Amino acid sequence: MSLRRPNLSYKGNKEKNEVVILPIGERPLVTGILNVTPDSFSDGGKFDNVNKAVKQALLMTSQGADIIDIGGESTRPGARLVSADVELERVLPVIESLRDKTDVPISIDTMKSEVAREACRAGATIINDVSGLQNDEGIAEVAREYSTYLVLMHMRKTPETMQIEIHYDDLIGEISDFLYGAVNKAIKIGVSREKIIIDPGIGFGKTVEHNFSILKNIPAFKSLGFPVMIGVSRKSFIGKTLDLPVDERLEGSLAAALYAVLNGVSIIRVHDVLPTIRALKIVERIVRAD
């Protein structure tokens, strides 16, 4: 495992044939989370104007983030969906401003093809669909059109209802089957296999026990043959286990993220970039030691 940070120069994506290549597999990639929403579970309302949001994105980039993931719709448990117009009003000015200031790859966190398309036109090179194409298969068409990376995540129901009556007969098998189906759907639509990333969806329609089981069984998801992304940062399974509020979950988040990386996760999605980068450097030295 190497943490050398190669040049992730942005080649532009306003024209469909200009793409970004991520060094997936060379080392774990760190995605900095930027929610420009009033109601996200961890940082809702903190970055609700363009200047604040761009400042935070540039800070995370300076700390070593490989990707900035921008979301304009909260997907916390119980959250209600917003319209595409509202989502675009939140994310587009941030993407456009950030694109002018840094070469860092930008990910758009959305379930709507309309939002994804406008975000890609503005310079996003990754689409992060937490619905795994359940909400809008047009997401895959946008990914094909703009040659972007496509993250397909497992989620049951919607954010508003996903934590109601949670039950799985075979947790790992059912998540794997869902992801396999979503991947095949994307490939049939024309998304390049090399541009697909999967995410088992920790915290999305799962109990505390389910989330720990997902982490323990990362190799099962890797066996599907695609890079795995995991988001554990500040999530409620950590808070419930340690009896801690959102702003005191750093240590638990780091422990879960490092375990994930050591078990083969390619991308970790985090709020706290600098502590994560520092922790990963120590893990790398341990792995490389004689």
C-alpha atoms as a PDB file:
ATOM      1  CA  MET A   1       0.000   0.000   0.000  1.00  0.00           C
ATOM      2  CA  SER A   2       1.505   3.330  -1.067  1.00  0.00           C
ATOM      3  CA  LEU A   3       0.365   6.779  -0.050  1.00  0.00           C
ATOM      4  CA  ARG A   4       2.508   8.696  -2.518  1.00  0.00           C
ATOM      5  CA  ARG A   5       0.232  11.370  -3.893  1.00  0.00           C
ATOM      6  CA  PRO A   6       0.487  11.469  -7.693  1.00  0.00           C
ATOM      7  CA  ASN A   7      -0.583  14.414  -9.806  1.00  0.00           C
ATOM      8  CA  LEU A   8      -4.354  14.180 -10.206  1.00  0.00           C
ATOM      9  CA  SER A   9      -4.440  16.960 -12.773  1.00  0.00           C
ATOM     10  CA  TYR A  10      -7.873  17.914 -14.036  1.00  0.00           C
ATOM     11  CA  LYS A  11      -8.083  17.643 -17.808  1.00  0.00           C
ATOM     12  CA  GLY A  12     -11.475  19.246 -18.096  1.00  0.00           C
ATOM     13  CA  ASN A  13     -14.859  17.621 -18.542  1.00  0.00           C
ATOM     14  CA  LYS A  14     -16.914  20.280 -20.249  1.00  0.00           C
ATOM     15  CA  GLU A  15     -16.304  18.374 -23.473  1.00  0.00           C
ATOM     16  CA  LYS A  16     -17.393  14.743 -23.361  1.00  0.00           C
ATOM     17  CA  ASN A  17     -14.063  13.345 -24.585  1.00  0.00           C
ATOM     18  CA  GLU A  18     -11.981  14.999 -21.828  1.00  0.00           C
ATOM     19  CA  VAL A  19     -11.730  12.794 -18.760  1.00  0.00           C
ATOM     20  CA  VAL A  20      -9.946  12.300 -15.455  1.00  0.00           C
ATOM     21  CA  ILE A  21      -8.220   9.036 -14.539  1.00  0.00           C
ATOM     22  CA  LEU A  22      -8.103   8.210 -10.831  1.00  0.00           C
ATOM     23  CA  PRO A  23      -5.173   6.130  -9.503  1.00  0.00           C
ATOM     24  CA  ILE A  24      -7.513   3.525  -8.032  1.00  0.00           C
ATOM     25  CA  GLY A  25      -5.559   0.595  -6.670  1.00  0.00           C
ATOM     26  CA  GLU A  26      -2.238   2.421  -6.387  1.00  0.00           C
ATOM     27  CA  ARG A  27      -3.144   3.526  -2.864  1.00  0.00           C
ATOM     28  CA  PRO A  28      -6.271   4.281  -0.825  1.00  0.00           C
ATOM     29  CA  LEU A  29      -7.978   7.439  -2.062  1.00  0.00           C
ATOM     30  CA  VAL A  30      -9.528   9.911   0.369  1.00  0.00           C
ATOM     31  CA  THR A  31     -12.742  11.690  -0.578  1.00  0.00           C
ATOM     32  CA  GLY A  32     -13.602  14.830   1.352  1.00  0.00           C
ATOM     33  CA  ILE A  33     -17.316  15.253   2.073  1.00  0.00           C
ATOM     34  CA  LEU A  34     -18.864  18.646   1.328  1.00  0.00           C
ATOM     35  CA  ASN A  35     -22.575  18.887   2.068  1.00  0.00           C
ATOM     36  CA  VAL A  36     -24.117  22.156   0.901  1.00  0.00           C
ATOM     37  CA  THR A  37     -27.415  21.337   2.587  1.00  0.00           C
ATOM     38  CA  PRO A  38     -29.235  22.768   5.603  1.00  0.00           C
ATOM     39  CA  ASP A  39     -30.054  19.359   7.095  1.00  0.00           C
ATOM     40  CA  SER A  40     -27.244  16.809   6.636  1.00  0.00           C
ATOM     41  CA  PHE A  41     -26.636  14.768   9.781  1.00  0.00           C
ATOM     42  CA  SER A  42     -23.093  15.987  10.471  1.00  0.00           C
ATOM     43  CA  ASP A  43     -22.399  19.309   8.786  1.00  0.00           C
ATOM     44  CA  GLY A  44     -25.819  20.536   7.696  1.00  0.00           C
ATOM     45  CA  GLY A  45     -25.920  24.323   7.417  1.00  0.00           C
ATOM     46  CA  LYS A  46     -22.174  24.822   7.939  1.00  0.00           C
ATOM     47  CA  PHE A  47     -21.386  25.364   4.267  1.00  0.00           C
ATOM     48  CA  ASP A  48     -24.631  26.857   3.026  1.00  0.00           C
ATOM     49  CA  ASN A  49     -23.122  29.570   0.845  1.00  0.00           C
ATOM     50  CA  VAL A  50     -20.631  29.395  -2.001  1.00  0.00           C
ATOM     51  CA  ASN A  51     -17.744  31.120  -0.238  1.00  0.00           C
ATOM     52  CA  LYS A  52     -17.937  28.890   2.844  1.00  0.00           C
ATOM     53  CA  ALA A  53     -18.297  25.752   0.738  1.00  0.00           C
ATOM     54  CA  VAL A  54     -15.395  26.539  -1.579  1.00  0.00           C
ATOM     55  CA  LYS A  55     -13.189  27.515   1.360  1.00  0.00           C
ATOM     56  CA  GLN A  56     -13.897  24.160   3.012  1.00  0.00           C
ATOM     57  CA  ALA A  57     -13.252  22.265  -0.224  1.00  0.00           C
ATOM     58  CA  LEU A  58      -9.920  24.028  -0.726  1.00  0.00           C
ATOM     59  CA  LEU A  59      -8.971  23.306   2.878  1.00  0.00           C
ATOM     60  CA  MET A  60      -9.681  19.592   2.430  1.00  0.00           C
ATOM     61  CA  THR A  61      -7.723  19.619  -0.818  1.00  0.00           C
ATOM     62  CA  SER A  62      -4.737  21.257   0.884  1.00  0.00           C
ATOM     63  CA  GLN A  63      -4.925  18.571   3.574  1.00  0.00           C
ATOM     64  CA  GLY A  64      -4.600  15.834   0.967  1.00  0.00           C
ATOM     65  CA  ALA A  65      -8.109  14.972  -0.242  1.00  0.00           C
ATOM     66  CA  ASP A  66      -7.987  13.216  -3.614  1.00  0.00           C
ATOM     67  CA  ILE A  67     -11.635  13.938  -4.420  1.00  0.00           C
ATOM     68  CA  ILE A  68     -14.247  16.429  -3.204  1.00  0.00           C
ATOM     69  CA  ASP A  69     -17.772  14.956  -3.047  1.00  0.00           C
ATOM     70  CA  ILE A  70     -20.426  17.693  -3.210  1.00  0.00           C
ATOM     71  CA  GLY A  71     -24.003  16.951  -2.177  1.00  0.00           C
ATOM     72  CA  GLY A  72     -27.039  19.207  -2.347  1.00  0.00           C
ATOM     73  CA  GLU A  73     -29.621  16.811  -0.912  1.00  0.00           C
ATOM     74  CA  SER A  74     -29.449  15.275   2.535  1.00  0.00           C
ATOM     75  CA  THR A  75     -29.592  11.478   2.604  1.00  0.00           C
ATOM     76  CA  ARG A  76     -29.566  11.148   6.388  1.00  0.00           C
ATOM     77  CA  PRO A  77     -32.169   8.746   7.810  1.00  0.00           C
ATOM     78  CA  GLY A  78     -35.588  10.384   7.662  1.00  0.00           C
ATOM     79  CA  ALA A  79     -34.583  13.092   5.194  1.00  0.00           C
ATOM     80  CA  ARG A  80     -37.109  14.136   2.573  1.00  0.00           C
ATOM     81  CA  LEU A  81     -36.017  14.489  -1.025  1.00  0.00           C
ATOM     82  CA  VAL A  82     -35.759  17.918  -2.625  1.00  0.00           C
ATOM     83  CA  SER A  83     -36.421  18.937  -6.212  1.00  0.00           C
ATOM     84  CA  ALA A  84     -33.739  18.937  -8.874  1.00  0.00           C
ATOM     85  CA  ASP A  85     -34.024  22.722  -9.079  1.00  0.00           C
ATOM     86  CA  VAL A  86     -33.256  23.121  -5.384  1.00  0.00           C
ATOM     87  CA  GLU A  87     -30.378  20.677  -5.604  1.00  0.00           C
ATOM     88  CA  LEU A  88     -28.890  22.452  -8.625  1.00  0.00           C
ATOM     89  CA  GLU A  89     -29.243  25.832  -6.964  1.00  0.00           C
ATOM     90  CA  ARG A  90     -27.127  24.510  -4.098  1.00  0.00           C
ATOM     91  CA  VAL A  91     -24.403  22.614  -5.939  1.00  0.00           C
ATOM     92  CA  LEU A  92     -23.780  24.288  -9.308  1.00  0.00           C
ATOM     93  CA  PRO A  93     -22.303  27.577  -8.049  1.00  0.00           C
ATOM     94  CA  VAL A  94     -19.975  25.614  -5.763  1.00  0.00           C
ATOM     95  CA  ILE A  95     -18.802  23.272  -8.525  1.00  0.00           C
ATOM     96  CA  GLU A  96     -18.247  26.152 -10.954  1.00  0.00           C
ATOM     97  CA  SER A  97     -16.316  28.227  -8.428  1.00  0.00           C
ATOM     98  CA  LEU A  98     -14.261  25.282  -7.200  1.00  0.00           C
ATOM     99  CA  ARG A  99     -13.446  24.167 -10.751  1.00  0.00           C
ATOM    100  CA  ASP A 100     -11.890  27.581 -11.402  1.00  0.00           C
ATOM    101  CA  LYS A 101      -9.669  27.327  -8.315  1.00  0.00           C
ATOM    102  CA  THR A 102      -8.364  23.757  -8.168  1.00  0.00           C
ATOM    103  CA  ASP A 103      -7.672  20.695 -10.277  1.00  0.00           C
ATOM    104  CA  VAL A 104      -9.033  18.266  -7.671  1.00  0.00           C
ATOM    105  CA  PRO A 105     -11.555  15.794  -9.120  1.00  0.00           C
ATOM    106  CA  ILE A 106     -15.119  16.724  -8.156  1.00  0.00           C
ATOM    107  CA  SER A 107     -17.804  14.158  -7.366  1.00  0.00           C
ATOM    108  CA  ILE A 108     -21.498  15.025  -7.465  1.00  0.00           C
ATOM    109  CA  ASP A 109     -23.566  13.172  -4.868  1.00  0.00           C
ATOM    110  CA  THR A 110     -27.001  12.903  -6.449  1.00  0.00           C
ATOM    111  CA  MET A 111     -29.761  10.473  -7.373  1.00  0.00           C
ATOM    112  CA  LYS A 112     -31.085  12.613 -10.241  1.00  0.00           C
ATOM    113  CA  SER A 113     -29.842  12.486 -13.831  1.00  0.00           C
ATOM    114  CA  GLU A 114     -30.779  16.131 -14.396  1.00  0.00           C
ATOM    115  CA  VAL A 115     -28.522  17.201 -11.532  1.00  0.00           C
ATOM    116  CA  ALA A 116     -25.755  14.829 -12.608  1.00  0.00           C
ATOM    117  CA  ARG A 117     -25.785  16.156 -16.167  1.00  0.00           C
ATOM    118  CA  GLU A 118     -25.547  19.808 -15.159  1.00  0.00           C
ATOM    119  CA  ALA A 119     -22.855  18.997 -12.604  1.00  0.00           C
ATOM    120  CA  CYS A 120     -20.788  17.190 -15.243  1.00  0.00           C
ATOM    121  CA  ARG A 121     -21.191  20.110 -17.618  1.00  0.00           C
ATOM    122  CA  ALA A 122     -19.835  22.325 -14.836  1.00  0.00           C
ATOM    123  CA  GLY A 123     -16.819  20.082 -14.277  1.00  0.00           C
ATOM    124  CA  ALA A 124     -17.731  17.095 -12.094  1.00  0.00           C
ATOM    125  CA  THR A 125     -15.940  13.899 -13.127  1.00  0.00           C
ATOM    126  CA  ILE A 126     -17.548  11.413 -10.721  1.00  0.00           C
ATOM    127  CA  ILE A 127     -21.229  10.666 -10.092  1.00  0.00           C
ATOM    128  CA  ASN A 128     -22.037   9.205  -6.676  1.00  0.00           C
ATOM    129  CA  ASP A 129     -25.521   7.648  -6.789  1.00  0.00           C
ATOM    130  CA  VAL A 130     -26.601   6.438  -3.352  1.00  0.00           C
ATOM    131  CA  SER A 131     -29.676   4.791  -4.875  1.00  0.00           C
ATOM    132  CA  GLY A 132     -27.643   2.485  -7.108  1.00  0.00           C
ATOM    133  CA  LEU A 133     -29.746   3.473 -10.161  1.00  0.00           C
ATOM    134  CA  GLN A 134     -33.012   2.691  -8.365  1.00  0.00           C
ATOM    135  CA  ASN A 135     -34.183   6.294  -8.423  1.00  0.00           C
ATOM    136  CA  ASP A 136     -33.130   7.269 -11.949  1.00  0.00           C
ATOM    137  CA  GLU A 137     -31.402   4.991 -14.464  1.00  0.00           C
ATOM    138  CA  GLY A 138     -30.637   8.098 -16.486  1.00  0.00           C
ATOM    139  CA  ILE A 139     -27.719   8.587 -14.101  1.00  0.00           C
ATOM    140  CA  ALA A 140     -25.901   5.813 -15.978  1.00  0.00           C
ATOM    141  CA  GLU A 141     -26.642   7.474 -19.306  1.00  0.00           C
ATOM    142  CA  VAL A 142     -25.012  10.671 -18.043  1.00  0.00           C
ATOM    143  CA  ALA A 143     -21.986   8.712 -16.826  1.00  0.00           C
ATOM    144  CA  ARG A 144     -21.672   7.133 -20.272  1.00  0.00           C
ATOM    145  CA  GLU A 145     -22.139  10.457 -22.060  1.00  0.00           C
ATOM    146  CA  TYR A 146     -19.485  12.276 -20.032  1.00  0.00           C
ATOM    147  CA  SER A 147     -17.170   9.286 -19.431  1.00  0.00           C
ATOM    148  CA  THR A 148     -17.326   9.886 -15.685  1.00  0.00           C
ATOM    149  CA  TYR A 149     -16.763   7.453 -12.868  1.00  0.00           C
ATOM    150  CA  LEU A 150     -19.999   6.070 -11.431  1.00  0.00           C
ATOM    151  CA  VAL A 151     -20.370   5.044  -7.789  1.00  0.00           C
ATOM    152  CA  LEU A 152     -23.255   2.626  -7.221  1.00  0.00           C
ATOM    153  CA  MET A 153     -24.365   2.268  -3.615  1.00  0.00           C
ATOM    154  CA  HIS A 154     -26.750  -0.138  -1.930  1.00  0.00           C
ATOM    155  CA  MET A 155     -29.765   1.422  -0.252  1.00  0.00           C
ATOM    156  CA  ARG A 156     -33.201   0.040   0.478  1.00  0.00           C
ATOM    157  CA  LYS A 157     -36.225   2.293   0.000  1.00  0.00           C
ATOM    158  CA  THR A 158     -35.473   6.037   0.311  1.00  0.00           C
ATOM    159  CA  PRO A 159     -33.588   8.067   2.922  1.00  0.00           C
ATOM    160  CA  GLU A 160     -36.942   8.977   4.483  1.00  0.00           C
ATOM    161  CA  THR A 161     -38.011   5.326   4.946  1.00  0.00           C
ATOM    162  CA  MET A 162     -34.808   3.266   4.855  1.00  0.00           C
ATOM    163  CA  GLN A 163     -34.500   2.808   8.616  1.00  0.00           C
ATOM    164  CA  ILE A 164     -38.073   1.503   9.028  1.00  0.00           C
ATOM    165  CA  GLU A 165     -38.543  -2.270   9.476  1.00  0.00           C
ATOM    166  CA  ILE A 166     -34.996  -3.267   8.569  1.00  0.00           C
ATOM    167  CA  HIS A 167     -34.648  -6.974   7.812  1.00  0.00           C
ATOM    168  CA  TYR A 168     -32.333  -9.141   5.718  1.00  0.00           C
ATOM    169  CA  ASP A 169     -32.384 -12.910   5.363  1.00  0.00           C
ATOM    170  CA  ASP A 170     -28.812 -12.800   4.051  1.00  0.00           C
ATOM    171  CA  LEU A 171     -27.264  -9.351   4.552  1.00  0.00           C
ATOM    172  CA  ILE A 172     -24.030  -9.777   2.611  1.00  0.00           C
ATOM    173  CA  GLY A 173     -25.612 -11.891  -0.108  1.00  0.00           C
ATOM    174  CA  GLU A 174     -28.492  -9.480  -0.669  1.00  0.00           C
ATOM    175  CA  ILE A 175     -26.221  -6.438  -0.826  1.00  0.00           C
ATOM    176  CA  SER A 176     -23.884  -8.255  -3.213  1.00  0.00           C
ATOM    177  CA  ASP A 177     -26.774  -9.301  -5.449  1.00  0.00           C
ATOM    178  CA  PHE A 178     -28.081  -5.733  -5.542  1.00  0.00           C
ATOM    179  CA  LEU A 179     -24.677  -4.299  -6.436  1.00  0.00           C
ATOM    180  CA  TYR A 180     -24.108  -6.978  -9.079  1.00  0.00           C
ATOM    181  CA  GLY A 181     -27.449  -6.094 -10.646  1.00  0.00           C
ATOM    182  CA  ALA A 182     -26.757  -2.356 -10.547  1.00  0.00           C
ATOM    183  CA  VAL A 183     -23.346  -2.848 -12.141  1.00  0.00           C
ATOM    184  CA  ASN A 184     -24.786  -4.976 -14.942  1.00  0.00           C
ATOM    185  CA  LYS A 185     -27.498  -2.397 -15.551  1.00  0.00           C
ATOM    186  CA  ALA A 186     -24.888   0.359 -15.849  1.00  0.00           C
ATOM    187  CA  ILE A 187     -22.716  -1.700 -18.198  1.00  0.00           C
ATOM    188  CA  LYS A 188     -25.704  -2.499 -20.444  1.00  0.00           C
ATOM    189  CA  ILE A 189     -26.439   1.227 -20.658  1.00  0.00           C
ATOM    190  CA  GLY A 190     -22.870   1.773 -21.785  1.00  0.00           C
ATOM    191  CA  VAL A 191     -20.849   2.763 -18.732  1.00  0.00           C
ATOM    192  CA  SER A 192     -17.271   1.516 -18.977  1.00  0.00           C
ATOM    193  CA  ARG A 193     -16.561  -1.305 -16.549  1.00  0.00           C
ATOM    194  CA  GLU A 194     -13.316   0.457 -15.592  1.00  0.00           C
ATOM    195  CA  LYS A 195     -15.305   3.494 -14.427  1.00  0.00           C
ATOM    196  CA  ILE A 196     -17.606   1.679 -11.964  1.00  0.00           C
ATOM    197  CA  ILE A 197     -17.140   1.767  -8.180  1.00  0.00           C
ATOM    198  CA  ILE A 198     -19.381  -0.013  -5.662  1.00  0.00           C
ATOM    199  CA  ASP A 199     -20.405   0.962  -2.142  1.00  0.00           C
ATOM    200  CA  PRO A 200     -22.269  -1.403   0.245  1.00  0.00           C
ATOM    201  CA  GLY A 201     -24.007   1.571   1.846  1.00  0.00           C
ATOM    202  CA  ILE A 202     -23.085   1.626   5.522  1.00  0.00           C
ATOM    203  CA  GLY A 203     -25.836   3.385   7.450  1.00  0.00           C
ATOM    204  CA  PHE A 204     -28.367   3.214   4.630  1.00  0.00           C
ATOM    205  CA  GLY A 205     -31.120   0.842   5.709  1.00  0.00           C
ATOM    206  CA  LYS A 206     -28.917  -1.083   8.142  1.00  0.00           C
ATOM    207  CA  THR A 207     -28.773  -1.670  11.878  1.00  0.00           C
ATOM    208  CA  VAL A 208     -25.656  -1.151  13.990  1.00  0.00           C
ATOM    209  CA  GLU A 209     -24.939  -4.883  13.769  1.00  0.00           C
ATOM    210  CA  HIS A 210     -25.406  -4.852   9.996  1.00  0.00           C
ATOM    211  CA  ASN A 211     -22.856  -2.059   9.606  1.00  0.00           C
ATOM    212  CA  PHE A 212     -20.202  -3.945  11.554  1.00  0.00           C
ATOM    213  CA  SER A 213     -20.932  -7.078   9.532  1.00  0.00           C
ATOM    214  CA  ILE A 214     -20.478  -5.145   6.287  1.00  0.00           C
ATOM    215  CA  LEU A 215     -17.068  -3.930   7.444  1.00  0.00           C
ATOM    216  CA  LYS A 216     -16.035  -7.432   8.456  1.00  0.00           C
ATOM    217  CA  ASN A 217     -17.093  -8.812   5.072  1.00  0.00           C
ATOM    218  CA  ILE A 218     -15.436  -6.297   2.753  1.00  0.00           C
ATOM    219  CA  PRO A 219     -13.657  -9.133   0.851  1.00  0.00           C
ATOM    220  CA  ALA A 220     -17.069 -10.421  -0.248  1.00  0.00           C
ATOM    221  CA  PHE A 221     -17.788  -7.122  -1.989  1.00  0.00           C
ATOM    222  CA  LYS A 222     -14.297  -6.945  -3.463  1.00  0.00           C
ATOM    223  CA  SER A 223     -14.897 -10.366  -4.998  1.00  0.00           C
ATOM    224  CA  LEU A 224     -17.464  -8.749  -7.312  1.00  0.00           C
ATOM    225  CA  GLY A 225     -14.477  -7.352  -9.197  1.00  0.00           C
ATOM    226  CA  PHE A 226     -14.907  -3.608  -8.732  1.00  0.00           C
ATOM    227  CA  PRO A 227     -13.223  -1.009  -6.512  1.00  0.00           C
ATOM    228  CA  VAL A 228     -15.067  -0.563  -3.218  1.00  0.00           C
ATOM    229  CA  MET A 229     -15.825   2.780  -1.603  1.00  0.00           C
ATOM    230  CA  ILE A 230     -16.866   3.021   2.040  1.00  0.00           C
ATOM    231  CA  GLY A 231     -18.335   5.909   4.016  1.00  0.00           C
ATOM    232  CA  VAL A 232     -18.185   5.466   7.787  1.00  0.00           C
ATOM    233  CA  SER A 233     -17.336   8.996   8.879  1.00  0.00           C
ATOM    234  CA  ARG A 234     -19.197  10.151  12.017  1.00  0.00           C
ATOM    235  CA  LYS A 235     -22.070   7.741  11.358  1.00  0.00           C
ATOM    236  CA  SER A 236     -24.626   6.714  13.944  1.00  0.00           C
ATOM    237  CA  PHE A 237     -23.375   3.135  14.355  1.00  0.00           C
ATOM    238  CA  ILE A 238     -20.192   4.656  15.781  1.00  0.00           C
ATOM    239  CA  GLY A 239     -22.133   7.061  17.966  1.00  0.00           C
ATOM    240  CA  LYS A 240     -24.423   4.351  19.300  1.00  0.00           C
ATOM    241  CA  THR A 241     -21.531   1.997  20.015  1.00  0.00           C
ATOM    242  CA  LEU A 242     -19.461   4.611  21.853  1.00  0.00           C
ATOM    243  CA  ASP A 243     -22.401   6.681  23.145  1.00  0.00           C
ATOM    244  CA  LEU A 244     -21.001   9.821  21.534  1.00  0.00           C
ATOM    245  CA  PRO A 245     -22.510  12.787  19.649  1.00  0.00           C
ATOM    246  CA  VAL A 246     -21.630  13.472  16.022  1.00  0.00           C
ATOM    247  CA  ASP A 247     -18.769  15.865  16.758  1.00  0.00           C
ATOM    248  CA  GLU A 248     -16.972  13.357  19.012  1.00  0.00           C
ATOM    249  CA  ARG A 249     -16.808  10.383  16.650  1.00  0.00           C
ATOM    250  CA  LEU A 250     -13.389  10.959  15.064  1.00  0.00           C
ATOM    251  CA  GLU A 251     -11.562   8.071  16.744  1.00  0.00           C
ATOM    252  CA  GLY A 252     -14.308   5.599  15.895  1.00  0.00           C
ATOM    253  CA  SER A 253     -14.424   6.883  12.327  1.00  0.00           C
ATOM    254  CA  LEU A 254     -10.668   6.453  11.943  1.00  0.00           C
ATOM    255  CA  ALA A 255     -10.749   2.929  13.366  1.00  0.00           C
ATOM    256  CA  ALA A 256     -13.470   1.851  10.939  1.00  0.00           C
ATOM    257  CA  ALA A 257     -11.816   3.569   7.968  1.00  0.00           C
ATOM    258  CA  LEU A 258      -8.410   2.021   8.659  1.00  0.00           C
ATOM    259  CA  TYR A 259      -9.934  -1.440   9.065  1.00  0.00           C
ATOM    260  CA  ALA A 260     -11.681  -0.949   5.729  1.00  0.00           C
ATOM    261  CA  VAL A 261      -8.482   0.086   3.967  1.00  0.00           C
ATOM    262  CA  LEU A 262      -6.520  -2.829   5.408  1.00  0.00           C
ATOM    263  CA  ASN A 263      -9.195  -5.144   4.030  1.00  0.00           C
ATOM    264  CA  GLY A 264      -9.029  -3.778   0.520  1.00  0.00           C
ATOM    265  CA  VAL A 265     -11.302  -0.743   0.289  1.00  0.00           C
ATOM    266  CA  SER A 266     -10.067   1.578  -2.468  1.00  0.00           C
ATOM    267  CA  ILE A 267     -11.778   4.848  -1.505  1.00  0.00           C
ATOM    268  CA  ILE A 268     -12.818   6.165   1.897  1.00  0.00           C
ATOM    269  CA  ARG A 269     -15.287   9.024   2.195  1.00  0.00           C
ATOM    270  CA  VAL A 270     -14.567  11.272   5.187  1.00  0.00           C
ATOM    271  CA  HIS A 271     -15.337  14.573   6.886  1.00  0.00           C
ATOM    272  CA  ASP A 272     -11.975  14.778   8.672  1.00  0.00           C
ATOM    273  CA  VAL A 273      -9.376  14.656   5.915  1.00  0.00           C
ATOM    274  CA  LEU A 274      -6.173  15.583   7.750  1.00  0.00           C
ATOM    275  CA  PRO A 275      -6.530  13.091  10.647  1.00  0.00           C
ATOM    276  CA  THR A 276      -7.395  10.386   8.126  1.00  0.00           C
ATOM    277  CA  ILE A 277      -4.345  11.119   5.970  1.00  0.00           C
ATOM    278  CA  ARG A 278      -2.079  11.071   9.028  1.00  0.00           C
ATOM    279  CA  ALA A 279      -3.522   7.784  10.263  1.00  0.00           C
ATOM    280  CA  LEU A 280      -3.135   6.215   6.821  1.00  0.00           C
ATOM    281  CA  LYS A 281       0.544   7.203   6.721  1.00  0.00           C
ATOM    282  CA  ILE A 282       1.176   5.253   9.928  1.00  0.00           C
ATOM    283  CA  VAL A 283      -0.711   2.240   8.588  1.00  0.00           C
ATOM    284  CA  GLU A 284       1.371   2.391   5.423  1.00  0.00           C
ATOM    285  CA  ARG A 285       4.611   2.325   7.415  1.00  0.00           C
ATOM    286  CA  ILE A 286       3.389  -0.679   9.389  1.00  0.00           C
ATOM    287  CA  VAL A 287       2.416  -2.534   6.207  1.00  0.00           C
ATOM    288  CA  ARG A 288       5.775  -1.758   4.571  1.00  0.00           C
ATOM    289  CA  ALA A 289       7.895  -2.663   7.611  1.00  0.00           C
ATOM    290  CA  ASP A 290      10.138  -5.752   7.533  1.00  0.00           C
END
